[in-house]
Amino acid sequence: MDDLGFQTQTFGDQFRNFEDLLGKVRIALLGLALVALLLACLGIANTMYTAVLERTKEIGVLKALGSRSHDVLLLFVAEAAVIGLAGGLIGALFAVLLGRLGNAAVDRMTQGVTSAGFDVFRTNRPVVLTAVALAVLLSTVSGLLPALRAAGQDPARALRYE
């Protein structure tokens, strides 16, 4: 058939081509997600550094009143973890809502073809919980360096800081 200028293509060939395309899209989305995670980590570290600078006098007061460096460290690490938890929960909620909207759109598009609803965008609870835990972990790690800087401040210098 190819000699006559015709090409044959089976459904299996089309399906393999579609799977190849989906594989490339997955790799591209993974790369995009990694870049987004890196930028989020840098943003959290920057936020925590700013918090340390703005609260230098407060850190000095805490240390002058008897707080140990370990206590100050835990305060800032906990703050970073709460930022990660809030971001993870908001992101997970947004993803679930987008998935439901996507499923509703697919159902509308396929309404004439089939009566059964397609669940194209599934919400997998372990994946959502893992994503929130990963957000907390990355945020905590990103806030660790600024927290160490806060814990290492000299109380006398911190109290004189303007």
N, C-alpha and C. Protein backbone atom coordinates (compact mmCIF):
# COMPACT_ATOMS: atom_id res chain seq x y z
N MET A 1 0.81 -1.19 0.00
CA MET A 1 0.00 0.00 0.00
C MET A 1 0.86 1.27 0.00
N ASP A 2 2.02 1.21 0.67
CA ASP A 2 2.89 2.38 0.70
C ASP A 2 3.41 2.72 -0.69
N ASP A 3 3.57 1.69 -1.56
CA ASP A 3 4.05 1.93 -2.93
C ASP A 3 3.05 2.77 -3.72
N LEU A 4 1.79 2.65 -3.39
CA LEU A 4 0.75 3.38 -4.11
C LEU A 4 0.48 4.76 -3.51
N GLY A 5 1.18 5.11 -2.43
CA GLY A 5 1.02 6.43 -1.82
C GLY A 5 0.03 6.45 -0.67
N PHE A 6 -0.45 5.28 -0.26
CA PHE A 6 -1.38 5.20 0.87
C PHE A 6 -0.62 4.79 2.13
N GLN A 7 -1.11 5.26 3.24
CA GLN A 7 -0.54 4.86 4.52
C GLN A 7 -1.62 4.19 5.34
N THR A 8 -1.26 3.18 6.06
CA THR A 8 -2.21 2.52 6.95
C THR A 8 -1.80 2.81 8.39
N GLN A 9 -2.81 3.00 9.18
CA GLN A 9 -2.53 3.27 10.59
C GLN A 9 -3.65 2.63 11.40
N THR A 10 -3.27 1.80 12.34
CA THR A 10 -4.26 1.14 13.18
C THR A 10 -4.53 1.99 14.41
N PHE A 11 -5.57 1.60 15.12
CA PHE A 11 -5.88 2.29 16.37
C PHE A 11 -4.73 2.13 17.36
N GLY A 12 -4.08 0.98 17.34
CA GLY A 12 -2.94 0.74 18.22
C GLY A 12 -1.80 1.71 17.94
N ASP A 13 -1.56 2.00 16.63
CA ASP A 13 -0.52 2.97 16.27
C ASP A 13 -0.88 4.36 16.81
N GLN A 14 -2.12 4.75 16.66
CA GLN A 14 -2.56 6.05 17.15
C GLN A 14 -2.44 6.12 18.67
N PHE A 15 -2.81 5.03 19.31
CA PHE A 15 -2.73 4.98 20.77
C PHE A 15 -1.30 5.09 21.25
N ARG A 16 -0.35 4.41 20.58
CA ARG A 16 1.07 4.49 20.95
C ARG A 16 1.60 5.91 20.74
N ASN A 17 1.19 6.55 19.65
CA ASN A 17 1.60 7.94 19.41
C ASN A 17 1.07 8.85 20.51
N PHE A 18 -0.17 8.62 20.92
CA PHE A 18 -0.76 9.42 21.99
C PHE A 18 -0.04 9.17 23.31
N GLU A 19 0.31 7.92 23.59
CA GLU A 19 1.06 7.60 24.81
C GLU A 19 2.43 8.27 24.80
N ASP A 20 3.09 8.29 23.66
CA ASP A 20 4.38 8.97 23.54
C ASP A 20 4.23 10.46 23.83
N LEU A 21 3.18 11.06 23.30
CA LEU A 21 2.93 12.48 23.54
C LEU A 21 2.67 12.73 25.02
N LEU A 22 1.86 11.88 25.64
CA LEU A 22 1.60 12.03 27.07
C LEU A 22 2.87 11.88 27.89
N GLY A 23 3.76 10.98 27.50
CA GLY A 23 5.02 10.81 28.21
C GLY A 23 5.87 12.08 28.15
N LYS A 24 5.90 12.70 26.98
CA LYS A 24 6.66 13.95 26.83
C LYS A 24 6.03 15.08 27.64
N VAL A 25 4.71 15.12 27.67
CA VAL A 25 4.02 16.14 28.46
C VAL A 25 4.30 15.92 29.94
N ARG A 26 4.31 14.66 30.39
CA ARG A 26 4.62 14.37 31.80
C ARG A 26 6.01 14.84 32.17
N ILE A 27 6.97 14.60 31.30
CA ILE A 27 8.35 15.03 31.58
C ILE A 27 8.43 16.55 31.64
N ALA A 28 7.74 17.22 30.72
CA ALA A 28 7.74 18.69 30.73
C ALA A 28 7.08 19.21 32.00
N LEU A 29 5.97 18.60 32.42
CA LEU A 29 5.30 19.04 33.65
C LEU A 29 6.14 18.75 34.88
N LEU A 30 6.87 17.65 34.88
CA LEU A 30 7.77 17.34 35.99
C LEU A 30 8.86 18.40 36.10
N GLY A 31 9.44 18.77 34.97
CA GLY A 31 10.46 19.83 34.97
C GLY A 31 9.90 21.15 35.47
N LEU A 32 8.69 21.48 35.02
CA LEU A 32 8.04 22.71 35.47
C LEU A 32 7.77 22.66 36.97
N ALA A 33 7.34 21.51 37.47
CA ALA A 33 7.08 21.36 38.90
C ALA A 33 8.36 21.51 39.72
N LEU A 34 9.46 20.96 39.23
CA LEU A 34 10.74 21.08 39.95
C LEU A 34 11.21 22.53 40.00
N VAL A 35 11.05 23.25 38.91
CA VAL A 35 11.41 24.67 38.90
C VAL A 35 10.52 25.45 39.87
N ALA A 36 9.22 25.13 39.87
CA ALA A 36 8.30 25.80 40.79
C ALA A 36 8.66 25.51 42.24
N LEU A 37 9.04 24.27 42.54
CA LEU A 37 9.45 23.93 43.91
C LEU A 37 10.71 24.68 44.32
N LEU A 38 11.66 24.78 43.42
CA LEU A 38 12.89 25.50 43.71
C LEU A 38 12.59 26.98 43.99
N LEU A 39 11.76 27.58 43.15
CA LEU A 39 11.40 28.98 43.36
C LEU A 39 10.61 29.18 44.65
N ALA A 40 9.75 28.22 44.98
CA ALA A 40 9.00 28.31 46.23
C ALA A 40 9.95 28.24 47.43
N CYS A 41 10.93 27.36 47.36
CA CYS A 41 11.92 27.25 48.44
C CYS A 41 12.70 28.54 48.60
N LEU A 42 13.11 29.12 47.49
CA LEU A 42 13.83 30.40 47.56
C LEU A 42 12.94 31.51 48.11
N GLY A 43 11.68 31.51 47.73
CA GLY A 43 10.74 32.51 48.24
C GLY A 43 10.54 32.38 49.74
N ILE A 44 10.42 31.16 50.22
CA ILE A 44 10.24 30.95 51.66
C ILE A 44 11.50 31.34 52.42
N ALA A 45 12.66 30.98 51.89
CA ALA A 45 13.91 31.38 52.55
C ALA A 45 14.04 32.90 52.60
N ASN A 46 13.67 33.57 51.52
CA ASN A 46 13.71 35.03 51.49
C ASN A 46 12.74 35.62 52.51
N THR A 47 11.54 35.06 52.58
CA THR A 47 10.55 35.53 53.55
C THR A 47 11.06 35.36 54.98
N MET A 48 11.69 34.23 55.24
CA MET A 48 12.19 33.99 56.59
C MET A 48 13.38 34.90 56.92
N TYR A 49 14.26 35.15 55.94
CA TYR A 49 15.36 36.09 56.18
C TYR A 49 14.81 37.47 56.50
N THR A 50 13.78 37.89 55.78
CA THR A 50 13.17 39.19 56.03
C THR A 50 12.56 39.22 57.43
N ALA A 51 11.90 38.12 57.82
CA ALA A 51 11.31 38.05 59.16
C ALA A 51 12.39 38.15 60.23
N VAL A 52 13.52 37.51 60.00
CA VAL A 52 14.62 37.59 60.97
C VAL A 52 15.14 39.02 61.08
N LEU A 53 15.31 39.68 59.95
CA LEU A 53 15.79 41.07 59.97
C LEU A 53 14.80 42.00 60.66
N GLU A 54 13.51 41.83 60.36
CA GLU A 54 12.50 42.71 60.94
C GLU A 54 12.29 42.45 62.43
N ARG A 55 12.60 41.25 62.87
CA ARG A 55 12.35 40.89 64.27
C ARG A 55 13.64 40.73 65.07
N THR A 56 14.68 41.39 64.63
CA THR A 56 15.97 41.28 65.32
C THR A 56 15.86 41.75 66.77
N LYS A 57 15.18 42.87 66.97
CA LYS A 57 15.03 43.39 68.33
C LYS A 57 14.22 42.42 69.20
N GLU A 58 13.18 41.82 68.59
CA GLU A 58 12.37 40.83 69.31
C GLU A 58 13.22 39.61 69.70
N ILE A 59 14.10 39.21 68.82
CA ILE A 59 14.99 38.08 69.11
C ILE A 59 15.90 38.45 70.28
N GLY A 60 16.40 39.68 70.28
CA GLY A 60 17.24 40.14 71.39
C GLY A 60 16.49 40.14 72.70
N VAL A 61 15.23 40.58 72.69
CA VAL A 61 14.42 40.59 73.91
C VAL A 61 14.19 39.15 74.40
N LEU A 62 13.86 38.25 73.46
CA LEU A 62 13.66 36.85 73.84
C LEU A 62 14.90 36.27 74.51
N LYS A 63 16.05 36.52 73.91
CA LYS A 63 17.29 35.98 74.47
C LYS A 63 17.65 36.66 75.79
N ALA A 64 17.38 37.96 75.91
CA ALA A 64 17.66 38.67 77.15
C ALA A 64 16.77 38.18 78.29
N LEU A 65 15.56 37.72 77.94
CA LEU A 65 14.65 37.20 78.95
C LEU A 65 14.91 35.74 79.30
N GLY A 66 15.89 35.12 78.65
CA GLY A 66 16.29 33.77 79.02
C GLY A 66 16.01 32.70 77.99
N SER A 67 15.51 33.06 76.85
CA SER A 67 15.30 32.05 75.80
C SER A 67 16.65 31.57 75.29
N ARG A 68 16.74 30.29 75.09
CA ARG A 68 17.99 29.74 74.56
C ARG A 68 17.98 29.86 73.05
N SER A 69 19.13 29.69 72.44
CA SER A 69 19.24 29.73 70.98
C SER A 69 18.36 28.65 70.35
N HIS A 70 18.29 27.51 71.02
CA HIS A 70 17.46 26.41 70.53
C HIS A 70 15.98 26.82 70.46
N ASP A 71 15.52 27.60 71.45
CA ASP A 71 14.13 28.06 71.46
C ASP A 71 13.85 29.00 70.30
N VAL A 72 14.77 29.90 70.03
CA VAL A 72 14.61 30.84 68.91
C VAL A 72 14.63 30.08 67.59
N LEU A 73 15.52 29.11 67.49
CA LEU A 73 15.59 28.28 66.29
C LEU A 73 14.26 27.58 66.04
N LEU A 74 13.71 26.96 67.09
CA LEU A 74 12.44 26.26 66.95
C LEU A 74 11.30 27.21 66.59
N LEU A 75 11.33 28.42 67.09
CA LEU A 75 10.30 29.41 66.78
C LEU A 75 10.26 29.70 65.28
N PHE A 76 11.43 29.93 64.70
CA PHE A 76 11.47 30.27 63.28
C PHE A 76 11.26 29.05 62.38
N VAL A 77 11.73 27.88 62.80
CA VAL A 77 11.48 26.66 62.03
C VAL A 77 9.98 26.35 62.05
N ALA A 78 9.33 26.52 63.19
CA ALA A 78 7.89 26.28 63.27
C ALA A 78 7.13 27.27 62.39
N GLU A 79 7.58 28.50 62.35
CA GLU A 79 6.95 29.50 61.48
C GLU A 79 7.06 29.09 60.01
N ALA A 80 8.22 28.61 59.62
CA ALA A 80 8.41 28.14 58.24
C ALA A 80 7.52 26.93 57.95
N ALA A 81 7.37 26.03 58.91
CA ALA A 81 6.52 24.86 58.73
C ALA A 81 5.06 25.26 58.58
N VAL A 82 4.63 26.24 59.34
CA VAL A 82 3.24 26.71 59.23
C VAL A 82 3.00 27.36 57.87
N ILE A 83 3.98 28.10 57.36
CA ILE A 83 3.87 28.67 56.02
C ILE A 83 3.73 27.55 54.99
N GLY A 84 4.53 26.50 55.13
CA GLY A 84 4.45 25.36 54.21
C GLY A 84 3.13 24.63 54.31
N LEU A 85 2.62 24.47 55.54
CA LEU A 85 1.33 23.80 55.73
C LEU A 85 0.21 24.60 55.08
N ALA A 86 0.21 25.91 55.30
CA ALA A 86 -0.82 26.75 54.69
C ALA A 86 -0.74 26.69 53.17
N GLY A 87 0.45 26.81 52.63
CA GLY A 87 0.62 26.75 51.18
C GLY A 87 0.24 25.40 50.61
N GLY A 88 0.60 24.33 51.31
CA GLY A 88 0.26 22.98 50.85
C GLY A 88 -1.23 22.73 50.86
N LEU A 89 -1.91 23.18 51.93
CA LEU A 89 -3.36 23.00 52.00
C LEU A 89 -4.09 23.81 50.94
N ILE A 90 -3.66 25.05 50.74
CA ILE A 90 -4.29 25.88 49.70
C ILE A 90 -4.04 25.29 48.32
N GLY A 91 -2.83 24.83 48.07
CA GLY A 91 -2.51 24.22 46.78
C GLY A 91 -3.29 22.94 46.54
N ALA A 92 -3.43 22.10 47.58
CA ALA A 92 -4.19 20.86 47.44
C ALA A 92 -5.66 21.14 47.20
N LEU A 93 -6.21 22.10 47.91
CA LEU A 93 -7.61 22.48 47.70
C LEU A 93 -7.83 22.99 46.28
N PHE A 94 -6.92 23.82 45.82
CA PHE A 94 -7.00 24.36 44.46
C PHE A 94 -6.91 23.24 43.42
N ALA A 95 -6.02 22.28 43.64
CA ALA A 95 -5.87 21.15 42.70
C ALA A 95 -7.13 20.29 42.67
N VAL A 96 -7.72 20.02 43.83
CA VAL A 96 -8.94 19.22 43.87
C VAL A 96 -10.08 19.94 43.15
N LEU A 97 -10.21 21.23 43.38
CA LEU A 97 -11.26 22.01 42.71
C LEU A 97 -11.05 22.04 41.19
N LEU A 98 -9.81 22.22 40.75
CA LEU A 98 -9.53 22.19 39.32
C LEU A 98 -9.82 20.83 38.72
N GLY A 99 -9.52 19.76 39.46
CA GLY A 99 -9.83 18.41 38.99
C GLY A 99 -11.32 18.21 38.81
N ARG A 100 -12.10 18.69 39.76
CA ARG A 100 -13.56 18.56 39.66
C ARG A 100 -14.10 19.38 38.49
N LEU A 101 -13.57 20.57 38.31
CA LEU A 101 -13.99 21.38 37.16
C LEU A 101 -13.62 20.70 35.84
N GLY A 102 -12.44 20.10 35.81
CA GLY A 102 -12.01 19.38 34.61
C GLY A 102 -12.90 18.18 34.32
N ASN A 103 -13.27 17.42 35.37
CA ASN A 103 -14.16 16.29 35.18
C ASN A 103 -15.54 16.73 34.69
N ALA A 104 -16.02 17.85 35.23
CA ALA A 104 -17.32 18.36 34.78
C ALA A 104 -17.24 18.77 33.31
N ALA A 105 -16.14 19.38 32.88
CA ALA A 105 -15.99 19.77 31.49
C ALA A 105 -15.92 18.55 30.57
N VAL A 106 -15.20 17.52 30.99
CA VAL A 106 -15.11 16.29 30.20
C VAL A 106 -16.48 15.63 30.10
N ASP A 107 -17.23 15.63 31.21
CA ASP A 107 -18.57 15.05 31.19
C ASP A 107 -19.48 15.79 30.22
N ARG A 108 -19.37 17.11 30.18
CA ARG A 108 -20.18 17.90 29.23
C ARG A 108 -19.79 17.59 27.79
N MET A 109 -18.49 17.43 27.53
CA MET A 109 -18.04 17.17 26.16
C MET A 109 -18.42 15.77 25.69
N THR A 110 -18.47 14.81 26.60
CA THR A 110 -18.76 13.43 26.21
C THR A 110 -20.21 13.04 26.45
N GLN A 111 -21.05 13.98 26.77
CA GLN A 111 -22.43 13.70 27.11
C GLN A 111 -23.18 13.03 25.96
N GLY A 112 -22.92 13.44 24.73
CA GLY A 112 -23.60 12.85 23.59
C GLY A 112 -23.06 11.48 23.23
N VAL A 113 -21.83 11.17 23.65
CA VAL A 113 -21.20 9.91 23.28
C VAL A 113 -21.56 8.79 24.26
N THR A 114 -21.52 9.10 25.53
CA THR A 114 -21.78 8.08 26.54
C THR A 114 -22.54 8.69 27.71
N SER A 115 -23.27 7.85 28.40
CA SER A 115 -24.01 8.34 29.56
C SER A 115 -23.19 8.21 30.85
N ALA A 116 -22.16 7.37 30.81
CA ALA A 116 -21.30 7.19 31.98
C ALA A 116 -20.33 8.36 32.10
N GLY A 117 -20.16 8.88 33.31
CA GLY A 117 -19.25 9.98 33.53
C GLY A 117 -17.80 9.50 33.58
N PHE A 118 -16.93 10.26 32.96
CA PHE A 118 -15.51 9.93 32.99
C PHE A 118 -14.87 10.62 34.18
N ASP A 119 -14.01 9.89 34.88
CA ASP A 119 -13.26 10.45 36.00
C ASP A 119 -11.82 10.60 35.55
N VAL A 120 -11.58 11.59 34.69
CA VAL A 120 -10.26 11.78 34.10
C VAL A 120 -9.28 12.29 35.16
N PHE A 121 -9.71 13.24 35.96
CA PHE A 121 -8.85 13.84 36.98
C PHE A 121 -9.26 13.27 38.33
N ARG A 122 -8.51 12.28 38.78
CA ARG A 122 -8.84 11.61 40.03
C ARG A 122 -8.10 12.27 41.19
N THR A 123 -8.77 12.32 42.32
CA THR A 123 -8.15 12.84 43.53
C THR A 123 -7.72 11.64 44.37
N ASN A 124 -6.43 11.46 44.44
CA ASN A 124 -5.86 10.35 45.18
C ASN A 124 -5.42 10.89 46.55
N ARG A 125 -6.12 10.48 47.59
CA ARG A 125 -5.85 11.04 48.92
C ARG A 125 -4.40 10.86 49.38
N PRO A 126 -3.79 9.69 49.21
CA PRO A 126 -2.38 9.58 49.62
C PRO A 126 -1.47 10.55 48.88
N VAL A 127 -1.77 10.81 47.61
CA VAL A 127 -0.95 11.76 46.84
C VAL A 127 -1.15 13.18 47.39
N VAL A 128 -2.39 13.54 47.71
CA VAL A 128 -2.67 14.87 48.25
C VAL A 128 -1.97 15.04 49.60
N LEU A 129 -2.08 14.02 50.45
CA LEU A 129 -1.42 14.10 51.77
C LEU A 129 0.09 14.15 51.63
N THR A 130 0.63 13.40 50.68
CA THR A 130 2.08 13.44 50.44
C THR A 130 2.51 14.81 49.95
N ALA A 131 1.69 15.42 49.09
CA ALA A 131 2.02 16.75 48.58
C ALA A 131 2.03 17.79 49.71
N VAL A 132 1.05 17.71 50.60
CA VAL A 132 1.02 18.64 51.74
C VAL A 132 2.22 18.40 52.65
N ALA A 133 2.54 17.13 52.91
CA ALA A 133 3.71 16.81 53.75
C ALA A 133 5.00 17.30 53.09
N LEU A 134 5.10 17.14 51.78
CA LEU A 134 6.28 17.62 51.06
C LEU A 134 6.39 19.14 51.13
N ALA A 135 5.25 19.83 51.06
CA ALA A 135 5.26 21.29 51.19
C ALA A 135 5.77 21.71 52.56
N VAL A 136 5.32 21.02 53.60
CA VAL A 136 5.78 21.34 54.96
C VAL A 136 7.27 21.05 55.09
N LEU A 137 7.71 19.90 54.56
CA LEU A 137 9.12 19.53 54.65
C LEU A 137 10.02 20.53 53.92
N LEU A 138 9.67 20.86 52.69
CA LEU A 138 10.48 21.80 51.91
C LEU A 138 10.50 23.19 52.54
N SER A 139 9.36 23.60 53.06
CA SER A 139 9.30 24.90 53.72
C SER A 139 10.16 24.92 54.99
N THR A 140 10.12 23.84 55.74
CA THR A 140 10.92 23.75 56.96
C THR A 140 12.41 23.78 56.63
N VAL A 141 12.80 23.02 55.62
CA VAL A 141 14.21 22.99 55.22
C VAL A 141 14.63 24.38 54.70
N SER A 142 13.74 25.04 53.95
CA SER A 142 14.07 26.38 53.42
C SER A 142 14.20 27.40 54.53
N GLY A 143 13.47 27.22 55.62
CA GLY A 143 13.54 28.17 56.73
C GLY A 143 14.62 27.85 57.73
N LEU A 144 15.34 26.77 57.53
CA LEU A 144 16.34 26.35 58.51
C LEU A 144 17.54 27.31 58.57
N LEU A 145 18.05 27.73 57.44
CA LEU A 145 19.20 28.64 57.43
C LEU A 145 18.88 30.00 58.07
N PRO A 146 17.75 30.63 57.71
CA PRO A 146 17.41 31.86 58.41
C PRO A 146 17.17 31.64 59.92
N ALA A 147 16.61 30.49 60.28
CA ALA A 147 16.39 30.20 61.70
C ALA A 147 17.71 30.05 62.44
N LEU A 148 18.69 29.43 61.79
CA LEU A 148 20.02 29.32 62.41
C LEU A 148 20.65 30.70 62.59
N ARG A 149 20.43 31.57 61.62
CA ARG A 149 20.96 32.93 61.74
C ARG A 149 20.30 33.66 62.92
N ALA A 150 18.97 33.48 63.06
CA ALA A 150 18.27 34.12 64.17
C ALA A 150 18.76 33.57 65.51
N ALA A 151 18.97 32.26 65.57
CA ALA A 151 19.39 31.64 66.83
C ALA A 151 20.80 32.06 67.23
N GLY A 152 21.63 32.36 66.24
CA GLY A 152 23.01 32.72 66.54
C GLY A 152 23.25 34.18 66.86
N GLN A 153 22.20 34.98 66.89
CA GLN A 153 22.39 36.40 67.16
C GLN A 153 22.76 36.66 68.61
N ASP A 154 23.62 37.65 68.78
CA ASP A 154 24.03 38.08 70.12
C ASP A 154 22.92 38.98 70.67
N PRO A 155 22.42 38.69 71.89
CA PRO A 155 21.32 39.47 72.44
C PRO A 155 21.63 40.96 72.60
N ALA A 156 22.82 41.27 72.99
CA ALA A 156 23.17 42.69 73.20
C ALA A 156 23.16 43.44 71.87
N ARG A 157 23.71 42.85 70.83
CA ARG A 157 23.72 43.50 69.51
C ARG A 157 22.31 43.57 68.95
N ALA A 158 21.52 42.54 69.18
CA ALA A 158 20.15 42.51 68.66
C ALA A 158 19.29 43.58 69.32
N LEU A 159 19.51 43.84 70.60
CA LEU A 159 18.73 44.87 71.29
C LEU A 159 19.10 46.27 70.80
N ARG A 160 20.34 46.47 70.35
CA ARG A 160 20.75 47.78 69.84
C ARG A 160 20.39 47.98 68.37
N TYR A 161 19.92 46.92 67.70
CA TYR A 161 19.62 46.96 66.27
C TYR A 161 18.45 47.89 66.00
N GLU A 162 18.58 48.72 64.99
CA GLU A 162 17.49 49.64 64.61
C GLU A 162 16.89 49.23 63.31
